Amino acid sequence: LRMIAGLEDISSGELIIGDKVVNNV
């Protein structure tokens, strides 16, 4: 959940909200 929120960095893989990759947002 914290990775989805952006409170934890994602070590690998992709998180997409809507149609946008938000790993570094």
mmCIF file of all heavy atoms, coordinates in Angstrom:
data_MODEL
# 
_entry.id   MODEL 
# 
loop_
_atom_site.group_PDB 
_atom_site.id 
_atom_site.type_symbol 
_atom_site.label_atom_id 
_atom_site.label_alt_id 
_atom_site.label_comp_id 
_atom_site.label_asym_id 
_atom_site.label_entity_id 
_atom_site.label_seq_id 
_atom_site.pdbx_PDB_ins_code 
_atom_site.Cartn_x 
_atom_site.Cartn_y 
_atom_site.Cartn_z 
_atom_site.occupancy 
_atom_site.B_iso_or_equiv 
_atom_site.pdbx_formal_charge 
_atom_site.auth_seq_id 
_atom_site.auth_comp_id 
_atom_site.auth_asym_id 
_atom_site.auth_atom_id 
_atom_site.pdbx_PDB_model_num 
ATOM 1   N N   . LEU A 1 1  ? 0.836  -1.204 0.000   1.00 0.00 ? 1  LEU A N   1 
ATOM 2   C CA  . LEU A 1 1  ? 0.000  0.000  0.000   1.00 0.00 ? 1  LEU A CA  1 
ATOM 3   C C   . LEU A 1 1  ? 0.870  1.253  0.000   1.00 0.00 ? 1  LEU A C   1 
ATOM 4   O O   . LEU A 1 1  ? 0.588  2.225  -0.712  1.00 0.00 ? 1  LEU A O   1 
ATOM 5   C CB  . LEU A 1 1  ? -0.924 -0.002 1.219   1.00 0.00 ? 1  LEU A CB  1 
ATOM 6   C CG  . LEU A 1 1  ? -2.034 1.053  1.190   1.00 0.00 ? 1  LEU A CG  1 
ATOM 7   C CD1 . LEU A 1 1  ? -3.160 0.592  0.272   1.00 0.00 ? 1  LEU A CD1 1 
ATOM 8   C CD2 . LEU A 1 1  ? -2.581 1.318  2.581   1.00 0.00 ? 1  LEU A CD2 1 
ATOM 9   N N   . ARG A 1 2  ? 1.938  1.245  0.779   1.00 0.00 ? 2  ARG A N   1 
ATOM 10  C CA  . ARG A 1 2  ? 2.820  2.417  0.866   1.00 0.00 ? 2  ARG A CA  1 
ATOM 11  C C   . ARG A 1 2  ? 3.578  2.638  -0.447  1.00 0.00 ? 2  ARG A C   1 
ATOM 12  O O   . ARG A 1 2  ? 3.884  3.779  -0.795  1.00 0.00 ? 2  ARG A O   1 
ATOM 13  C CB  . ARG A 1 2  ? 3.786  2.250  2.035   1.00 0.00 ? 2  ARG A CB  1 
ATOM 14  C CG  . ARG A 1 2  ? 3.074  2.369  3.394   1.00 0.00 ? 2  ARG A CG  1 
ATOM 15  C CD  . ARG A 1 2  ? 4.006  2.028  4.544   1.00 0.00 ? 2  ARG A CD  1 
ATOM 16  N NE  . ARG A 1 2  ? 5.099  2.977  4.658   1.00 0.00 ? 2  ARG A NE  1 
ATOM 17  C CZ  . ARG A 1 2  ? 5.030  4.151  5.270   1.00 0.00 ? 2  ARG A CZ  1 
ATOM 18  N NH1 . ARG A 1 2  ? 3.891  4.523  5.847   1.00 0.00 ? 2  ARG A NH1 1 
ATOM 19  N NH2 . ARG A 1 2  ? 6.063  4.962  5.333   1.00 0.00 ? 2  ARG A NH2 1 
ATOM 20  N N   . MET A 1 3  ? 3.863  1.575  -1.182  1.00 0.00 ? 3  MET A N   1 
ATOM 21  C CA  . MET A 1 3  ? 4.469  1.757  -2.510  1.00 0.00 ? 3  MET A CA  1 
ATOM 22  C C   . MET A 1 3  ? 3.473  2.412  -3.465  1.00 0.00 ? 3  MET A C   1 
ATOM 23  O O   . MET A 1 3  ? 3.851  3.263  -4.276  1.00 0.00 ? 3  MET A O   1 
ATOM 24  C CB  . MET A 1 3  ? 4.961  0.413  -3.054  1.00 0.00 ? 3  MET A CB  1 
ATOM 25  C CG  . MET A 1 3  ? 6.226  -0.093 -2.392  1.00 0.00 ? 3  MET A CG  1 
ATOM 26  S SD  . MET A 1 3  ? 6.998  -1.487 -3.257  1.00 0.00 ? 3  MET A SD  1 
ATOM 27  C CE  . MET A 1 3  ? 5.859  -2.818 -2.883  1.00 0.00 ? 3  MET A CE  1 
ATOM 28  N N   . ILE A 1 4  ? 2.201  2.000  -3.376  1.00 0.00 ? 4  ILE A N   1 
ATOM 29  C CA  . ILE A 1 4  ? 1.173  2.628  -4.224  1.00 0.00 ? 4  ILE A CA  1 
ATOM 30  C C   . ILE A 1 4  ? 1.044  4.113  -3.869  1.00 0.00 ? 4  ILE A C   1 
ATOM 31  O O   . ILE A 1 4  ? 0.890  4.963  -4.753  1.00 0.00 ? 4  ILE A O   1 
ATOM 32  C CB  . ILE A 1 4  ? -0.174 1.909  -4.059  1.00 0.00 ? 4  ILE A CB  1 
ATOM 33  C CG1 . ILE A 1 4  ? -0.070 0.460  -4.560  1.00 0.00 ? 4  ILE A CG1 1 
ATOM 34  C CG2 . ILE A 1 4  ? -1.287 2.651  -4.807  1.00 0.00 ? 4  ILE A CG2 1 
ATOM 35  C CD1 . ILE A 1 4  ? -1.285 -0.398 -4.250  1.00 0.00 ? 4  ILE A CD1 1 
ATOM 36  N N   . ALA A 1 5  ? 1.148  4.414  -2.569  1.00 0.00 ? 5  ALA A N   1 
ATOM 37  C CA  . ALA A 1 5  ? 1.021  5.807  -2.109  1.00 0.00 ? 5  ALA A CA  1 
ATOM 38  C C   . ALA A 1 5  ? 2.245  6.645  -2.442  1.00 0.00 ? 5  ALA A C   1 
ATOM 39  O O   . ALA A 1 5  ? 2.173  7.880  -2.447  1.00 0.00 ? 5  ALA A O   1 
ATOM 40  C CB  . ALA A 1 5  ? 0.771  5.825  -0.602  1.00 0.00 ? 5  ALA A CB  1 
ATOM 41  N N   . GLY A 1 6  ? 3.381  5.980  -2.694  1.00 0.00 ? 6  GLY A N   1 
ATOM 42  C CA  . GLY A 1 6  ? 4.609  6.723  -2.933  1.00 0.00 ? 6  GLY A CA  1 
ATOM 43  C C   . GLY A 1 6  ? 5.414  6.970  -1.675  1.00 0.00 ? 6  GLY A C   1 
ATOM 44  O O   . GLY A 1 6  ? 6.404  7.712  -1.688  1.00 0.00 ? 6  GLY A O   1 
ATOM 45  N N   . LEU A 1 7  ? 5.004  6.357  -0.554  1.00 0.00 ? 7  LEU A N   1 
ATOM 46  C CA  . LEU A 1 7  ? 5.724  6.519  0.714   1.00 0.00 ? 7  LEU A CA  1 
ATOM 47  C C   . LEU A 1 7  ? 6.891  5.545  0.823   1.00 0.00 ? 7  LEU A C   1 
ATOM 48  O O   . LEU A 1 7  ? 7.723  5.672  1.726   1.00 0.00 ? 7  LEU A O   1 
ATOM 49  C CB  . LEU A 1 7  ? 4.760  6.314  1.887   1.00 0.00 ? 7  LEU A CB  1 
ATOM 50  C CG  . LEU A 1 7  ? 3.546  7.247  1.911   1.00 0.00 ? 7  LEU A CG  1 
ATOM 51  C CD1 . LEU A 1 7  ? 2.635  6.924  3.088   1.00 0.00 ? 7  LEU A CD1 1 
ATOM 52  C CD2 . LEU A 1 7  ? 3.977  8.708  1.952   1.00 0.00 ? 7  LEU A CD2 1 
ATOM 53  N N   . GLU A 1 8  ? 6.924  4.547  -0.064  1.00 0.00 ? 8  GLU A N   1 
ATOM 54  C CA  . GLU A 1 8  ? 8.050  3.607  -0.154  1.00 0.00 ? 8  GLU A CA  1 
ATOM 55  C C   . GLU A 1 8  ? 8.489  3.542  -1.608  1.00 0.00 ? 8  GLU A C   1 
ATOM 56  O O   . GLU A 1 8  ? 7.658  3.509  -2.516  1.00 0.00 ? 8  GLU A O   1 
ATOM 57  C CB  . GLU A 1 8  ? 7.637  2.195  0.302   1.00 0.00 ? 8  GLU A CB  1 
ATOM 58  C CG  . GLU A 1 8  ? 7.271  2.065  1.758   1.00 0.00 ? 8  GLU A CG  1 
ATOM 59  C CD  . GLU A 1 8  ? 8.494  1.860  2.649   1.00 0.00 ? 8  GLU A CD  1 
ATOM 60  O OE1 . GLU A 1 8  ? 9.624  1.877  2.119   1.00 0.00 ? 8  GLU A OE1 1 
ATOM 61  O OE2 . GLU A 1 8  ? 8.296  1.697  3.859   1.00 0.00 ? 8  GLU A OE2 1 
ATOM 62  N N   . ASP A 1 9  ? 9.800  3.549  -1.819  1.00 0.00 ? 9  ASP A N   1 
ATOM 63  C CA  . ASP A 1 9  ? 10.316 3.389  -3.176  1.00 0.00 ? 9  ASP A CA  1 
ATOM 64  C C   . ASP A 1 9  ? 10.062 1.965  -3.669  1.00 0.00 ? 9  ASP A C   1 
ATOM 65  O O   . ASP A 1 9  ? 10.082 1.012  -2.883  1.00 0.00 ? 9  ASP A O   1 
ATOM 66  C CB  . ASP A 1 9  ? 11.822 3.671  -3.213  1.00 0.00 ? 9  ASP A CB  1 
ATOM 67  C CG  . ASP A 1 9  ? 12.133 5.135  -2.940  1.00 0.00 ? 9  ASP A CG  1 
ATOM 68  O OD1 . ASP A 1 9  ? 11.281 5.981  -3.255  1.00 0.00 ? 9  ASP A OD1 1 
ATOM 69  O OD2 . ASP A 1 9  ? 13.229 5.413  -2.414  1.00 0.00 ? 9  ASP A OD2 1 
ATOM 70  N N   . ILE A 1 10 ? 9.857  1.820  -4.966  1.00 0.00 ? 10 ILE A N   1 
ATOM 71  C CA  . ILE A 1 10 ? 9.690  0.509  -5.577  1.00 0.00 ? 10 ILE A CA  1 
ATOM 72  C C   . ILE A 1 10 ? 11.058 0.023  -6.036  1.00 0.00 ? 10 ILE A C   1 
ATOM 73  O O   . ILE A 1 10 ? 11.757 0.710  -6.790  1.00 0.00 ? 10 ILE A O   1 
ATOM 74  C CB  . ILE A 1 10 ? 8.716  0.586  -6.768  1.00 0.00 ? 10 ILE A CB  1 
ATOM 75  C CG1 . ILE A 1 10 ? 7.316  0.970  -6.272  1.00 0.00 ? 10 ILE A CG1 1 
ATOM 76  C CG2 . ILE A 1 10 ? 8.667  -0.723 -7.529  1.00 0.00 ? 10 ILE A CG2 1 
ATOM 77  C CD1 . ILE A 1 10 ? 6.328  1.245  -7.381  1.00 0.00 ? 10 ILE A CD1 1 
ATOM 78  N N   . SER A 1 11 ? 11.468 -1.155 -5.558  1.00 0.00 ? 11 SER A N   1 
ATOM 79  C CA  . SER A 1 11 ? 12.790 -1.681 -5.903  1.00 0.00 ? 11 SER A CA  1 
ATOM 80  C C   . SER A 1 11 ? 12.861 -2.121 -7.355  1.00 0.00 ? 11 SER A C   1 
ATOM 81  O O   . SER A 1 11 ? 13.874 -1.927 -8.022  1.00 0.00 ? 11 SER A O   1 
ATOM 82  C CB  . SER A 1 11 ? 13.154 -2.844 -4.970  1.00 0.00 ? 11 SER A CB  1 
ATOM 83  O OG  . SER A 1 11 ? 13.122 -2.431 -3.622  1.00 0.00 ? 11 SER A OG  1 
ATOM 84  N N   . SER A 1 12 ? 11.787 -2.760 -7.840  1.00 0.00 ? 12 SER A N   1 
ATOM 85  C CA  . SER A 1 12 ? 11.720 -3.153 -9.253  1.00 0.00 ? 12 SER A CA  1 
ATOM 86  C C   . SER A 1 12 ? 10.265 -3.365 -9.626  1.00 0.00 ? 12 SER A C   1 
ATOM 87  O O   . SER A 1 12 ? 9.405  -3.530 -8.764  1.00 0.00 ? 12 SER A O   1 
ATOM 88  C CB  . SER A 1 12 ? 12.530 -4.425 -9.508  1.00 0.00 ? 12 SER A CB  1 
ATOM 89  O OG  . SER A 1 12 ? 11.974 -5.531 -8.819  1.00 0.00 ? 12 SER A OG  1 
ATOM 90  N N   . GLY A 1 13 ? 10.000 -3.357 -10.938 1.00 0.00 ? 13 GLY A N   1 
ATOM 91  C CA  . GLY A 1 13 ? 8.636  -3.505 -11.416 1.00 0.00 ? 13 GLY A CA  1 
ATOM 92  C C   . GLY A 1 13 ? 8.005  -2.163 -11.755 1.00 0.00 ? 13 GLY A C   1 
ATOM 93  O O   . GLY A 1 13 ? 8.646  -1.108 -11.659 1.00 0.00 ? 13 GLY A O   1 
ATOM 94  N N   . GLU A 1 14 ? 6.736  -2.205 -12.162 1.00 0.00 ? 14 GLU A N   1 
ATOM 95  C CA  . GLU A 1 14 ? 6.022  -1.000 -12.569 1.00 0.00 ? 14 GLU A CA  1 
ATOM 96  C C   . GLU A 1 14 ? 4.726  -0.839 -11.792 1.00 0.00 ? 14 GLU A C   1 
ATOM 97  O O   . GLU A 1 14 ? 3.991  -1.804 -11.587 1.00 0.00 ? 14 GLU A O   1 
ATOM 98  C CB  . GLU A 1 14 ? 5.677  -1.052 -14.068 1.00 0.00 ? 14 GLU A CB  1 
ATOM 99  C CG  . GLU A 1 14 ? 6.822  -0.713 -14.987 1.00 0.00 ? 14 GLU A CG  1 
ATOM 100 C CD  . GLU A 1 14 ? 6.362  -0.579 -16.435 1.00 0.00 ? 14 GLU A CD  1 
ATOM 101 O OE1 . GLU A 1 14 ? 5.258  -1.076 -16.765 1.00 0.00 ? 14 GLU A OE1 1 
ATOM 102 O OE2 . GLU A 1 14 ? 7.096  0.017  -17.223 1.00 0.00 ? 14 GLU A OE2 1 
ATOM 103 N N   . LEU A 1 15 ? 4.451  0.402  -11.381 1.00 0.00 ? 15 LEU A N   1 
ATOM 104 C CA  . LEU A 1 15 ? 3.177  0.766  -10.766 1.00 0.00 ? 15 LEU A CA  1 
ATOM 105 C C   . LEU A 1 15 ? 2.487  1.739  -11.703 1.00 0.00 ? 15 LEU A C   1 
ATOM 106 O O   . LEU A 1 15 ? 3.048  2.791  -12.043 1.00 0.00 ? 15 LEU A O   1 
ATOM 107 C CB  . LEU A 1 15 ? 3.403  1.401  -9.396  1.00 0.00 ? 15 LEU A CB  1 
ATOM 108 C CG  . LEU A 1 15 ? 2.169  2.033  -8.741  1.00 0.00 ? 15 LEU A CG  1 
ATOM 109 C CD1 . LEU A 1 15 ? 1.113  0.977  -8.451  1.00 0.00 ? 15 LEU A CD1 1 
ATOM 110 C CD2 . LEU A 1 15 ? 2.544  2.771  -7.463  1.00 0.00 ? 15 LEU A CD2 1 
ATOM 111 N N   . ILE A 1 16 ? 1.286  1.371  -12.128 1.00 0.00 ? 16 ILE A N   1 
ATOM 112 C CA  . ILE A 1 16 ? 0.538  2.192  -13.081 1.00 0.00 ? 16 ILE A CA  1 
ATOM 113 C C   . ILE A 1 16 ? -0.781 2.611  -12.444 1.00 0.00 ? 16 ILE A C   1 
ATOM 114 O O   . ILE A 1 16 ? -1.552 1.769  -11.972 1.00 0.00 ? 16 ILE A O   1 
ATOM 115 C CB  . ILE A 1 16 ? 0.265  1.413  -14.387 1.00 0.00 ? 16 ILE A CB  1 
ATOM 116 C CG1 . ILE A 1 16 ? 1.585  0.946  -15.012 1.00 0.00 ? 16 ILE A CG1 1 
ATOM 117 C CG2 . ILE A 1 16 ? -0.531 2.261  -15.374 1.00 0.00 ? 16 ILE A CG2 1 
ATOM 118 C CD1 . ILE A 1 16 ? 1.406  -0.068 -16.126 1.00 0.00 ? 16 ILE A CD1 1 
ATOM 119 N N   . ILE A 1 17 ? -1.047 3.908  -12.395 1.00 0.00 ? 17 ILE A N   1 
ATOM 120 C CA  . ILE A 1 17 ? -2.330 4.441  -11.924 1.00 0.00 ? 17 ILE A CA  1 
ATOM 121 C C   . ILE A 1 17 ? -3.001 5.118  -13.110 1.00 0.00 ? 17 ILE A C   1 
ATOM 122 O O   . ILE A 1 17 ? -2.429 6.047  -13.702 1.00 0.00 ? 17 ILE A O   1 
ATOM 123 C CB  . ILE A 1 17 ? -2.151 5.426  -10.756 1.00 0.00 ? 17 ILE A CB  1 
ATOM 124 C CG1 . ILE A 1 17 ? -1.522 4.713  -9.550  1.00 0.00 ? 17 ILE A CG1 1 
ATOM 125 C CG2 . ILE A 1 17 ? -3.496 6.039  -10.356 1.00 0.00 ? 17 ILE A CG2 1 
ATOM 126 C CD1 . ILE A 1 17 ? -1.289 5.617  -8.342  1.00 0.00 ? 17 ILE A CD1 1 
ATOM 127 N N   . GLY A 1 18 ? -4.179 4.643  -13.470 1.00 0.00 ? 18 GLY A N   1 
ATOM 128 C CA  . GLY A 1 18 ? -4.801 5.101  -14.710 1.00 0.00 ? 18 GLY A CA  1 
ATOM 129 C C   . GLY A 1 18 ? -4.017 4.533  -15.869 1.00 0.00 ? 18 GLY A C   1 
ATOM 130 O O   . GLY A 1 18 ? -3.891 3.328  -16.025 1.00 0.00 ? 18 GLY A O   1 
ATOM 131 N N   . ASP A 1 19 ? -3.456 5.403  -16.686 1.00 0.00 ? 19 ASP A N   1 
ATOM 132 C CA  . ASP A 1 19 ? -2.613 4.946  -17.806 1.00 0.00 ? 19 ASP A CA  1 
ATOM 133 C C   . ASP A 1 19 ? -1.198 5.497  -17.684 1.00 0.00 ? 19 ASP A C   1 
ATOM 134 O O   . ASP A 1 19 ? -0.467 5.566  -18.664 1.00 0.00 ? 19 ASP A O   1 
ATOM 135 C CB  . ASP A 1 19 ? -3.238 5.371  -19.138 1.00 0.00 ? 19 ASP A CB  1 
ATOM 136 C CG  . ASP A 1 19 ? -3.495 6.875  -19.208 1.00 0.00 ? 19 ASP A CG  1 
ATOM 137 O OD1 . ASP A 1 19 ? -3.178 7.582  -18.218 1.00 0.00 ? 19 ASP A OD1 1 
ATOM 138 O OD2 . ASP A 1 19 ? -4.011 7.345  -20.236 1.00 0.00 ? 19 ASP A OD2 1 
ATOM 139 N N   . LYS A 1 20 ? -0.793 5.852  -16.444 1.00 0.00 ? 20 LYS A N   1 
ATOM 140 C CA  . LYS A 1 20 ? 0.498  6.497  -16.235 1.00 0.00 ? 20 LYS A CA  1 
ATOM 141 C C   . LYS A 1 20 ? 1.368  5.695  -15.281 1.00 0.00 ? 20 LYS A C   1 
ATOM 142 O O   . LYS A 1 20 ? 0.922  5.298  -14.205 1.00 0.00 ? 20 LYS A O   1 
ATOM 143 C CB  . LYS A 1 20 ? 0.269  7.915  -15.668 1.00 0.00 ? 20 LYS A CB  1 
ATOM 144 C CG  . LYS A 1 20 ? 1.538  8.712  -15.431 1.00 0.00 ? 20 LYS A CG  1 
ATOM 145 C CD  . LYS A 1 20 ? 1.195  10.089 -14.882 1.00 0.00 ? 20 LYS A CD  1 
ATOM 146 C CE  . LYS A 1 20 ? 2.449  10.903 -14.613 1.00 0.00 ? 20 LYS A CE  1 
ATOM 147 N NZ  . LYS A 1 20 ? 2.115  12.230 -14.024 1.00 0.00 ? 20 LYS A NZ  1 
ATOM 148 N N   . VAL A 1 21 ? 2.614  5.437  -15.674 1.00 0.00 ? 21 VAL A N   1 
ATOM 149 C CA  . VAL A 1 21 ? 3.584  4.802  -14.784 1.00 0.00 ? 21 VAL A CA  1 
ATOM 150 C C   . VAL A 1 21 ? 4.022  5.841  -13.762 1.00 0.00 ? 21 VAL A C   1 
ATOM 151 O O   . VAL A 1 21 ? 4.514  6.923  -14.128 1.00 0.00 ? 21 VAL A O   1 
ATOM 152 C CB  . VAL A 1 21 ? 4.800  4.269  -15.571 1.00 0.00 ? 21 VAL A CB  1 
ATOM 153 C CG1 . VAL A 1 21 ? 5.820  3.661  -14.607 1.00 0.00 ? 21 VAL A CG1 1 
ATOM 154 C CG2 . VAL A 1 21 ? 4.365  3.224  -16.590 1.00 0.00 ? 21 VAL A CG2 1 
ATOM 155 N N   . VAL A 1 22 ? 3.866  5.514  -12.466 1.00 0.00 ? 22 VAL A N   1 
ATOM 156 C CA  . VAL A 1 22 ? 4.084  6.527  -11.421 1.00 0.00 ? 22 VAL A CA  1 
ATOM 157 C C   . VAL A 1 22 ? 5.227  6.149  -10.471 1.00 0.00 ? 22 VAL A C   1 
ATOM 158 O O   . VAL A 1 22 ? 5.330  6.719  -9.384  1.00 0.00 ? 22 VAL A O   1 
ATOM 159 C CB  . VAL A 1 22 ? 2.790  6.768  -10.612 1.00 0.00 ? 22 VAL A CB  1 
ATOM 160 C CG1 . VAL A 1 22 ? 1.691  7.326  -11.491 1.00 0.00 ? 22 VAL A CG1 1 
ATOM 161 C CG2 . VAL A 1 22 ? 2.330  5.488  -9.919  1.00 0.00 ? 22 VAL A CG2 1 
ATOM 162 N N   . ASN A 1 23 ? 6.092  5.229  -10.875 1.00 0.00 ? 23 ASN A N   1 
ATOM 163 C CA  . ASN A 1 23 ? 7.193  4.807  -10.002 1.00 0.00 ? 23 ASN A CA  1 
ATOM 164 C C   . ASN A 1 23 ? 7.957  5.988  -9.410  1.00 0.00 ? 23 ASN A C   1 
ATOM 165 O O   . ASN A 1 23 ? 8.311  5.983  -8.226  1.00 0.00 ? 23 ASN A O   1 
ATOM 166 C CB  . ASN A 1 23 ? 8.182  3.929  -10.773 1.00 0.00 ? 23 ASN A CB  1 
ATOM 167 C CG  . ASN A 1 23 ? 7.621  2.563  -11.075 1.00 0.00 ? 23 ASN A CG  1 
ATOM 168 O OD1 . ASN A 1 23 ? 6.469  2.436  -11.458 1.00 0.00 ? 23 ASN A OD1 1 
ATOM 169 N ND2 . ASN A 1 23 ? 8.429  1.525  -10.904 1.00 0.00 ? 23 ASN A ND2 1 
ATOM 170 N N   . ASN A 1 24 ? 8.216  6.994  -10.231 1.00 0.00 ? 24 ASN A N   1 
ATOM 171 C CA  . ASN A 1 24 ? 9.040  8.121  -9.789  1.00 0.00 ? 24 ASN A CA  1 
ATOM 172 C C   . ASN A 1 24 ? 8.231  9.399  -9.589  1.00 0.00 ? 24 ASN A C   1 
ATOM 173 O O   . ASN A 1 24 ? 8.807  10.488 -9.482  1.00 0.00 ? 24 ASN A O   1 
ATOM 174 C CB  . ASN A 1 24 ? 10.160 8.359  -10.814 1.00 0.00 ? 24 ASN A CB  1 
ATOM 175 C CG  . ASN A 1 24 ? 11.077 7.153  -10.946 1.00 0.00 ? 24 ASN A CG  1 
ATOM 176 O OD1 . ASN A 1 24 ? 11.495 6.562  -9.955  1.00 0.00 ? 24 ASN A OD1 1 
ATOM 177 N ND2 . ASN A 1 24 ? 11.373 6.767  -12.186 1.00 0.00 ? 24 ASN A ND2 1 
ATOM 178 N N   . VAL A 1 25 ? 6.920  9.258  -9.547  1.00 0.00 ? 25 VAL A N   1 
ATOM 179 C CA  . VAL A 1 25 ? 6.056  10.425 -9.323  1.00 0.00 ? 25 VAL A CA  1 
ATOM 180 C C   . VAL A 1 25 ? 5.907  10.657 -7.822  1.00 0.00 ? 25 VAL A C   1 
ATOM 181 O O   . VAL A 1 25 ? 5.602  9.723  -7.076  1.00 0.00 ? 25 VAL A O   1 
ATOM 182 C CB  . VAL A 1 25 ? 4.668  10.202 -9.964  1.00 0.00 ? 25 VAL A CB  1 
ATOM 183 C CG1 . VAL A 1 25 ? 3.726  11.358 -9.635  1.00 0.00 ? 25 VAL A CG1 1 
ATOM 184 C CG2 . VAL A 1 25 ? 4.809  10.028 -11.469 1.00 0.00 ? 25 VAL A CG2 1 
# 
